[in-house]
C-alpha atoms as a PDB file:
ATOM      1  CA  MET A   1     -59.869  40.263  -3.866  1.00  0.00           C
ATOM      2  CA  THR A   2     -61.247  38.492  -0.846  1.00  0.00           C
ATOM      3  CA  ALA A   3     -64.725  40.743   0.269  1.00  0.00           C
ATOM      4  CA  SER A   4     -65.367  41.990   3.693  1.00  0.00           C
ATOM      5  CA  THR A   5     -68.571  43.374   5.024  1.00  0.00           C
ATOM      6  CA  PHE A   6     -67.615  46.531   6.397  1.00  0.00           C
ATOM      7  CA  ALA A   7     -71.008  47.164   8.100  1.00  0.00           C
ATOM      8  CA  PRO A   8     -74.283  45.949   7.401  1.00  0.00           C
ATOM      9  CA  GLY A   9     -74.807  46.224   3.904  1.00  0.00           C
ATOM     10  CA  LEU A  10     -72.338  47.773   2.547  1.00  0.00           C
ATOM     11  CA  VAL A  11     -69.634  45.026   1.463  1.00  0.00           C
ATOM     12  CA  VAL A  12     -65.790  46.356   0.728  1.00  0.00           C
ATOM     13  CA  ARG A  13     -63.531  44.257  -2.055  1.00  0.00           C
ATOM     14  CA  GLY A  14     -59.586  45.312  -2.156  1.00  0.00           C
ATOM     15  CA  PHE A  15     -58.574  47.974   0.216  1.00  0.00           C
ATOM     16  CA  THR A  16     -58.673  49.129   3.302  1.00  0.00           C
ATOM     17  CA  PRO A  17     -61.788  52.052   3.753  1.00  0.00           C
ATOM     18  CA  PRO A  18     -61.749  54.619   4.532  1.00  0.00           C
ATOM     19  CA  LEU A  19     -60.213  56.733   1.032  1.00  0.00           C
ATOM     20  CA  ALA A  20     -59.699  60.214   0.666  1.00  0.00           C
ATOM     21  CA  LEU A  21     -62.914  61.732  -1.484  1.00  0.00           C
ATOM     22  CA  SER A  22     -60.333  64.265  -2.611  1.00  0.00           C
ATOM     23  CA  ASP A  23     -58.037  62.499  -4.290  1.00  0.00           C
ATOM     24  CA  PHE A  24     -60.371  61.795  -6.692  1.00  0.00           C
ATOM     25  CA  LYS A  25     -61.186  63.926  -9.878  1.00  0.00           C
ATOM     26  CA  LEU A  26     -64.669  62.731 -11.238  1.00  0.00           C
ATOM     27  CA  ILE A  27     -67.863  60.281 -10.116  1.00  0.00           C
ATOM     28  CA  ALA A  28     -69.640  59.173 -12.790  1.00  0.00           C
ATOM     29  CA  PHE A  29     -72.592  57.298 -12.593  1.00  0.00           C
ATOM     30  CA  ASP A  30     -75.524  55.077 -14.757  1.00  0.00           C
ATOM     31  CA  MET A  31     -78.688  56.757 -14.024  1.00  0.00           C
ATOM     32  CA  ASP A  32     -81.166  53.861 -14.035  1.00  0.00           C
ATOM     33  CA  SER A  33     -82.237  51.859 -11.131  1.00  0.00           C
ATOM     34  CA  THR A  34     -78.836  53.938 -10.150  1.00  0.00           C
ATOM     35  CA  LEU A  35     -79.097  57.547  -9.765  1.00  0.00           C
ATOM     36  CA  ILE A  36     -82.994  57.274 -10.052  1.00  0.00           C
ATOM     37  CA  ASN A  37     -85.929  54.337  -8.616  1.00  0.00           C
ATOM     38  CA  ILE A  38     -86.781  53.222 -12.436  1.00  0.00           C
ATOM     39  CA  GLU A  39     -86.009  51.975 -15.455  1.00  0.00           C
ATOM     40  CA  CYS A  40     -86.973  54.738 -17.851  1.00  0.00           C
ATOM     41  CA  ILE A  41     -87.783  52.158 -20.780  1.00  0.00           C
ATOM     42  CA  ASP A  42     -89.991  50.515 -19.290  1.00  0.00           C
ATOM     43  CA  GLU A  43     -92.475  52.787 -17.357  1.00  0.00           C
ATOM     44  CA  ILE A  44     -92.532  54.248 -21.133  1.00  0.00           C
ATOM     45  CA  ALA A  45     -93.606  50.754 -22.233  1.00  0.00           C
ATOM     46  CA  ASP A  46     -96.584  50.916 -19.507  1.00  0.00           C
ATOM     47  CA  ALA A  47     -97.918  54.142 -22.069  1.00  0.00           C
ATOM     48  CA  VAL A  48     -98.567  51.297 -24.806  1.00  0.00           C
ATOM     49  CA  GLY A  49     -99.342  47.754 -22.652  1.00  0.00           C
ATOM     50  CA  LYS A  50     -96.166  46.669 -23.340  1.00  0.00           C
ATOM     51  CA  LYS A  51     -94.106  47.476 -19.740  1.00  0.00           C
ATOM     52  CA  ALA A  52     -94.058  43.504 -19.627  1.00  0.00           C
ATOM     53  CA  GLU A  53     -92.388  42.913 -22.167  1.00  0.00           C
ATOM     54  CA  VAL A  54     -89.987  45.497 -22.601  1.00  0.00           C
ATOM     55  CA  ALA A  55     -88.959  44.702 -19.184  1.00  0.00           C
ATOM     56  CA  ALA A  56     -88.150  41.186 -19.176  1.00  0.00           C
ATOM     57  CA  ILE A  57     -85.961  42.439 -21.644  1.00  0.00           C
ATOM     58  CA  THR A  58     -84.402  45.260 -19.689  1.00  0.00           C
ATOM     59  CA  GLU A  59     -83.595  42.463 -16.855  1.00  0.00           C
ATOM     60  CA  ALA A  60     -81.807  39.907 -18.590  1.00  0.00           C
ATOM     61  CA  THR A  61     -79.577  42.912 -20.551  1.00  0.00           C
ATOM     62  CA  MET A  62     -78.586  44.486 -17.033  1.00  0.00           C
ATOM     63  CA  ARG A  63     -78.662  40.884 -15.892  1.00  0.00           C
ATOM     64  CA  GLY A  64     -75.379  39.831 -18.604  1.00  0.00           C
ATOM     65  CA  GLU A  65     -77.754  37.537 -20.273  1.00  0.00           C
ATOM     66  CA  ILE A  66     -78.134  39.451 -23.143  1.00  0.00           C
ATOM     67  CA  ARG A  67     -74.822  40.020 -24.548  1.00  0.00           C
ATOM     68  CA  ASP A  68     -75.598  43.295 -27.144  1.00  0.00           C
ATOM     69  CA  PHE A  69     -76.839  46.071 -25.291  1.00  0.00           C
ATOM     70  CA  LYS A  70     -76.952  48.165 -28.514  1.00  0.00           C
ATOM     71  CA  GLU A  71     -79.766  44.822 -30.024  1.00  0.00           C
ATOM     72  CA  SER A  72     -80.838  45.316 -26.793  1.00  0.00           C
ATOM     73  CA  LEU A  73     -81.793  48.640 -26.686  1.00  0.00           C
ATOM     74  CA  THR A  74     -82.815  48.522 -30.287  1.00  0.00           C
ATOM     75  CA  ARG A  75     -85.637  45.828 -29.578  1.00  0.00           C
ATOM     76  CA  ARG A  76     -86.431  47.451 -26.797  1.00  0.00           C
ATOM     77  CA  VAL A  77     -87.211  51.140 -28.086  1.00  0.00           C
ATOM     78  CA  ALA A  78     -88.780  49.729 -31.624  1.00  0.00           C
ATOM     79  CA  LEU A  79     -91.614  48.262 -29.202  1.00  0.00           C
ATOM     80  CA  LEU A  80     -92.050  52.205 -28.087  1.00  0.00           C
ATOM     81  CA  GLN A  81     -93.703  52.900 -31.763  1.00  0.00           C
ATOM     82  CA  GLY A  82     -96.173  54.925 -31.238  1.00  0.00           C
ATOM     83  CA  VAL A  83     -96.146  56.256 -27.464  1.00  0.00           C
ATOM     84  CA  PRO A  84     -97.196  59.688 -27.785  1.00  0.00           C
ATOM     85  CA  VAL A  85     -93.770  62.175 -26.885  1.00  0.00           C
ATOM     86  CA  ALA A  86     -95.918  63.447 -23.327  1.00  0.00           C
ATOM     87  CA  ALA A  87     -95.951  59.873 -22.701  1.00  0.00           C
ATOM     88  CA  LEU A  88     -92.271  60.914 -20.833  1.00  0.00           C
ATOM     89  CA  GLN A  89     -93.242  63.880 -18.904  1.00  0.00           C
ATOM     90  CA  GLN A  90     -95.433  61.688 -17.446  1.00  0.00           C
ATOM     91  CA  VAL A  91     -93.045  59.090 -16.451  1.00  0.00           C
ATOM     92  CA  TYR A  92     -91.322  62.231 -15.637  1.00  0.00           C
ATOM     93  CA  ASP A  93     -93.285  63.677 -13.219  1.00  0.00           C
ATOM     94  CA  GLU A  94     -95.381  61.005 -12.381  1.00  0.00           C
ATOM     95  CA  ARG A  95     -92.901  57.920 -11.709  1.00  0.00           C
ATOM     96  CA  LEU A  96     -89.013  59.366 -11.709  1.00  0.00           C
ATOM     97  CA  ARG A  97     -87.944  60.102  -8.293  1.00  0.00           C
ATOM     98  CA  LEU A  98     -84.029  60.376  -7.156  1.00  0.00           C
ATOM     99  CA  ASN A  99     -82.626  57.391  -5.293  1.00  0.00           C
ATOM    100  CA  PRO A 100     -82.021  57.847  -1.450  1.00  0.00           C
ATOM    101  CA  GLY A 101     -78.596  59.527  -0.875  1.00  0.00           C
ATOM    102  CA  ALA A 102     -78.742  61.003  -4.391  1.00  0.00           C
ATOM    103  CA  GLY A 103     -78.681  64.641  -3.592  1.00  0.00           C
ATOM    104  CA  GLU A 104     -76.433  63.952  -0.997  1.00  0.00           C
ATOM    105  CA  LEU A 105     -73.498  61.700  -2.466  1.00  0.00           C
ATOM    106  CA  VAL A 106     -73.393  64.560  -5.427  1.00  0.00           C
ATOM    107  CA  ALA A 107     -73.517  67.617  -3.483  1.00  0.00           C
ATOM    108  CA  ALA A 108     -70.675  66.236  -0.860  1.00  0.00           C
ATOM    109  CA  CYS A 109     -68.551  65.690  -4.283  1.00  0.00           C
ATOM    110  CA  LYS A 110     -68.848  68.834  -5.819  1.00  0.00           C
ATOM    111  CA  ALA A 111     -68.076  70.253  -2.169  1.00  0.00           C
ATOM    112  CA  ALA A 112     -64.356  68.175  -2.139  1.00  0.00           C
ATOM    113  CA  GLY A 113     -63.807  69.941  -5.841  1.00  0.00           C
ATOM    114  CA  LEU A 114     -64.387  66.810  -8.544  1.00  0.00           C
ATOM    115  CA  LYS A 115     -67.028  66.756 -11.006  1.00  0.00           C
ATOM    116  CA  VAL A 116     -69.772  64.408 -11.382  1.00  0.00           C
ATOM    117  CA  LEU A 117     -70.875  62.682 -15.006  1.00  0.00           C
ATOM    118  CA  LEU A 118     -74.174  61.033 -15.395  1.00  0.00           C
ATOM    119  CA  VAL A 119     -73.206  58.366 -18.339  1.00  0.00           C
ATOM    120  CA  SER A 120     -77.120  56.482 -19.400  1.00  0.00           C
ATOM    121  CA  GLY A 121     -78.013  53.564 -21.559  1.00  0.00           C
ATOM    122  CA  GLY A 122     -81.265  55.603 -21.526  1.00  0.00           C
ATOM    123  CA  PHE A 123     -83.020  58.809 -21.892  1.00  0.00           C
ATOM    124  CA  THR A 124     -81.504  62.015 -22.834  1.00  0.00           C
ATOM    125  CA  PHE A 125     -85.222  63.521 -21.584  1.00  0.00           C
ATOM    126  CA  PHE A 126     -84.538  62.657 -17.946  1.00  0.00           C
ATOM    127  CA  ALA A 127     -80.954  62.580 -17.672  1.00  0.00           C
ATOM    128  CA  ASN A 128     -80.961  66.604 -18.413  1.00  0.00           C
ATOM    129  CA  ARG A 129     -83.887  66.681 -16.569  1.00  0.00           C
ATOM    130  CA  VAL A 130     -81.589  65.223 -13.616  1.00  0.00           C
ATOM    131  CA  ARG A 131     -79.006  66.625 -14.998  1.00  0.00           C
ATOM    132  CA  ASP A 132     -81.075  69.777 -13.649  1.00  0.00           C
ATOM    133  CA  ARG A 133     -81.542  68.933 -10.938  1.00  0.00           C
ATOM    134  CA  LEU A 134     -78.745  67.860  -9.251  1.00  0.00           C
ATOM    135  CA  GLY A 135     -76.112  69.565 -10.897  1.00  0.00           C
ATOM    136  CA  ILE A 136     -73.836  67.514 -12.399  1.00  0.00           C
ATOM    137  CA  ASP A 137     -71.161  68.659 -14.876  1.00  0.00           C
ATOM    138  CA  PHE A 138     -71.175  65.921 -18.605  1.00  0.00           C
ATOM    139  CA  THR A 139     -73.850  63.587 -19.790  1.00  0.00           C
ATOM    140  CA  ARG A 140     -74.292  61.315 -22.025  1.00  0.00           C
ATOM    141  CA  SER A 141     -77.329  59.393 -23.330  1.00  0.00           C
ATOM    142  CA  ASN A 142     -79.406  58.204 -26.214  1.00  0.00           C
ATOM    143  CA  LEU A 143     -82.405  60.691 -28.394  1.00  0.00           C
ATOM    144  CA  LEU A 144     -85.583  58.834 -28.490  1.00  0.00           C
ATOM    145  CA  ALA A 145     -86.554  59.602 -32.167  1.00  0.00           C
ATOM    146  CA  GLU A 146     -90.274  61.753 -32.672  1.00  0.00           C
ATOM    147  CA  ALA A 147     -92.288  62.637 -35.703  1.00  0.00           C
ATOM    148  CA  ASP A 148     -95.408  64.286 -35.118  1.00  0.00           C
ATOM    149  CA  GLY A 149     -96.242  64.302 -31.114  1.00  0.00           C
ATOM    150  CA  VAL A 150     -95.147  60.240 -31.130  1.00  0.00           C
ATOM    151  CA  LEU A 151     -92.012  58.083 -30.609  1.00  0.00           C
ATOM    152  CA  THR A 152     -91.078  56.197 -33.553  1.00  0.00           C
ATOM    153  CA  GLY A 153     -89.515  53.651 -32.524  1.00  0.00           C
ATOM    154  CA  ARG A 154     -85.484  54.759 -33.586  1.00  0.00           C
ATOM    155  CA  VAL A 155     -82.497  56.041 -31.378  1.00  0.00           C
ATOM    156  CA  VAL A 156     -81.287  58.786 -32.936  1.00  0.00           C
ATOM    157  CA  PRO A 157     -77.837  59.121 -34.224  1.00  0.00           C
ATOM    158  CA  GLN A 158     -75.355  61.832 -31.942  1.00  0.00           C
ATOM    159  CA  ALA A 159     -72.293  63.367 -32.191  1.00  0.00           C
ATOM    160  CA  TRP A 160     -70.230  61.554 -30.824  1.00  0.00           C
ATOM    161  CA  GLY A 161     -72.187  57.712 -31.614  1.00  0.00           C
ATOM    162  CA  ASP A 162     -75.040  56.002 -32.884  1.00  0.00           C
ATOM    163  CA  ILE A 163     -76.716  54.420 -29.070  1.00  0.00           C
ATOM    164  CA  CYS A 164     -74.662  54.720 -25.482  1.00  0.00           C
ATOM    165  CA  ASP A 165     -73.956  51.180 -24.293  1.00  0.00           C
ATOM    166  CA  GLY A 166     -71.069  50.320 -22.558  1.00  0.00           C
ATOM    167  CA  ALA A 167     -68.025  50.541 -24.581  1.00  0.00           C
ATOM    168  CA  GLU A 168     -69.101  54.010 -25.374  1.00  0.00           C
ATOM    169  CA  LYS A 169     -69.403  53.753 -21.482  1.00  0.00           C
ATOM    170  CA  ARG A 170     -66.162  53.084 -20.600  1.00  0.00           C
ATOM    171  CA  ARG A 171     -64.982  55.726 -23.496  1.00  0.00           C
ATOM    172  CA  THR A 172     -67.335  58.156 -22.236  1.00  0.00           C
ATOM    173  CA  LEU A 173     -65.583  57.935 -18.696  1.00  0.00           C
ATOM    174  CA  LEU A 174     -62.276  58.483 -20.065  1.00  0.00           C
ATOM    175  CA  GLU A 175     -62.507  60.962 -22.583  1.00  0.00           C
ATOM    176  CA  VAL A 176     -64.234  62.663 -19.587  1.00  0.00           C
ATOM    177  CA  ALA A 177     -61.162  62.120 -17.297  1.00  0.00           C
ATOM    178  CA  SER A 178     -58.791  62.668 -19.554  1.00  0.00           C
ATOM    179  CA  LEU A 179     -60.074  66.028 -19.850  1.00  0.00           C
ATOM    180  CA  LEU A 180     -60.250  67.453 -16.655  1.00  0.00           C
ATOM    181  CA  GLY A 181     -56.565  66.008 -16.273  1.00  0.00           C
ATOM    182  CA  ALA A 182     -57.129  62.490 -14.359  1.00  0.00           C
ATOM    183  CA  ALA A 183     -55.550  59.181 -14.664  1.00  0.00           C
ATOM    184  CA  PRO A 184     -58.581  56.596 -15.310  1.00  0.00           C
ATOM    185  CA  GLY A 185     -57.516  55.891 -10.815  1.00  0.00           C
ATOM    186  CA  GLN A 186     -58.371  59.389 -10.094  1.00  0.00           C
ATOM    187  CA  CYS A 187     -62.057  58.788 -11.037  1.00  0.00           C
ATOM    188  CA  ILE A 188     -65.412  56.662  -9.133  1.00  0.00           C
ATOM    189  CA  ALA A 189     -67.876  54.287 -11.663  1.00  0.00           C
ATOM    190  CA  VAL A 190     -71.273  53.716  -9.910  1.00  0.00           C
ATOM    191  CA  GLY A 191     -73.561  51.219 -11.295  1.00  0.00           C
ATOM    192  CA  ASP A 192     -75.848  48.342 -11.287  1.00  0.00           C
ATOM    193  CA  GLY A 193     -76.226  46.337 -14.290  1.00  0.00           C
ATOM    194  CA  ALA A 194     -74.111  44.309 -16.793  1.00  0.00           C
ATOM    195  CA  ASN A 195     -73.412  47.121 -18.889  1.00  0.00           C
ATOM    196  CA  ASP A 196     -72.211  49.331 -16.430  1.00  0.00           C
ATOM    197  CA  LEU A 197     -68.906  46.787 -15.991  1.00  0.00           C
ATOM    198  CA  PRO A 198     -66.698  48.116 -18.394  1.00  0.00           C
ATOM    199  CA  MET A 199     -66.578  51.749 -16.974  1.00  0.00           C
ATOM    200  CA  MET A 200     -66.329  50.009 -13.512  1.00  0.00           C
ATOM    201  CA  GLY A 201     -63.718  48.228 -14.680  1.00  0.00           C
ATOM    202  CA  GLU A 202     -61.982  50.904 -15.348  1.00  0.00           C
ATOM    203  CA  ALA A 203     -61.820  53.258 -12.623  1.00  0.00           C
ATOM    204  CA  GLY A 204     -60.415  53.312  -9.217  1.00  0.00           C
ATOM    205  CA  LEU A 205     -63.107  52.648  -7.938  1.00  0.00           C
ATOM    206  CA  SER A 206     -66.328  50.637  -8.864  1.00  0.00           C
ATOM    207  CA  VAL A 207     -69.278  50.943  -7.572  1.00  0.00           C
ATOM    208  CA  ALA A 208     -72.181  48.390  -7.054  1.00  0.00           C
ATOM    209  CA  TYR A 209     -75.514  50.443  -5.570  1.00  0.00           C
ATOM    210  CA  HIS A 210     -78.123  47.605  -4.990  1.00  0.00           C
ATOM    211  CA  ALA A 211     -77.130  45.792  -8.712  1.00  0.00           C
ATOM    212  CA  LYS A 212     -77.014  42.191  -9.987  1.00  0.00           C
ATOM    213  CA  PRO A 213     -74.766  40.214  -8.852  1.00  0.00           C
ATOM    214  CA  LYS A 214     -72.913  40.205 -11.661  1.00  0.00           C
ATOM    215  CA  VAL A 215     -72.273  43.624 -10.852  1.00  0.00           C
ATOM    216  CA  ARG A 216     -72.054  43.042  -7.006  1.00  0.00           C
ATOM    217  CA  GLU A 217     -69.327  40.327  -7.932  1.00  0.00           C
ATOM    218  CA  GLN A 218     -66.971  42.375  -9.697  1.00  0.00           C
ATOM    219  CA  ALA A 219     -67.066  45.736  -7.633  1.00  0.00           C
ATOM    220  CA  MET A 220     -65.270  47.342  -5.260  1.00  0.00           C
ATOM    221  CA  VAL A 221     -68.300  48.155  -2.929  1.00  0.00           C
ATOM    222  CA  SER A 222     -71.391  46.959  -3.249  1.00  0.00           C
ATOM    223  CA  ILE A 223     -73.555  48.793  -1.378  1.00  0.00           C
ATOM    224  CA  GLU A 224     -76.513  46.523  -0.849  1.00  0.00           C
ATOM    225  CA  ALA A 225     -78.507  48.312   1.786  1.00  0.00           C
ATOM    226  CA  GLY A 226     -79.227  52.009   2.307  1.00  0.00           C
ATOM    227  CA  GLY A 227     -78.575  54.233   0.119  1.00  0.00           C
ATOM    228  CA  LEU A 228     -76.384  55.807  -2.330  1.00  0.00           C
ATOM    229  CA  ASP A 229     -74.358  58.090   0.281  1.00  0.00           C
ATOM    230  CA  ARG A 230     -72.993  55.142   1.887  1.00  0.00           C
ATOM    231  CA  LEU A 231     -70.288  55.375  -0.103  1.00  0.00           C
ATOM    232  CA  LEU A 232     -69.109  58.236   2.347  1.00  0.00           C
ATOM    233  CA  GLU A 233     -68.993  56.152   5.034  1.00  0.00           C
ATOM    234  CA  LEU A 234     -65.538  54.661   3.004  1.00  0.00           C
ATOM    235  CA  LEU A 235     -64.389  58.251   1.972  1.00  0.00           C
ATOM    236  CA  ARG A 236     -62.994  61.361   4.092  1.00  0.00           C
ATOM    237  CA  ALA A 237     -63.452  64.472   2.538  1.00  0.00           C
END
């Protein structure tokens, strides 16, 4: 598909704006570096002096250079063994911020009747708090194991599976869409990393937000300057 610059920092591929926001029923967001400004796992690792090591693995994974997300996450979480659980709250309070336009985009989608899904390879501790701040309807994310006030370096299996990777993001998008009686084409998927590509590939509208090159190249919309609410320049209410 040929890409064109719709406006400075806003690249469109495969359709002619505007689309009707009301034609969609679900918008799914990645969390880390999409809805929020940080990669939470990197900031948690900082508590034990391992941020550089963990961040290097995160970056390679998000760029698609490490293809096995489960193996990547397992390696990174193992490096968090011994981190005080209290460090999670400190990361949330001191470092986590919503990305520009996140609140505006979510509010506009909800006003148009869409349901909102947060589906993340990150962690429930943060996903639940972001959910509550933004009024998000559905979440799925990974649960860090803890014991005696510290992280154990493992992820806790949940009813839906063990780790929320790209395949699980795709499955969750389709599952929630089915619950809503929506076709995949009535879904919007927003992300920044390679593990977002499976759900973005199913959605009727795929959106890359300040994303890795591989993701920008494959998305129907690439927001390369400004906030998440720039998507609203392409969607009429």
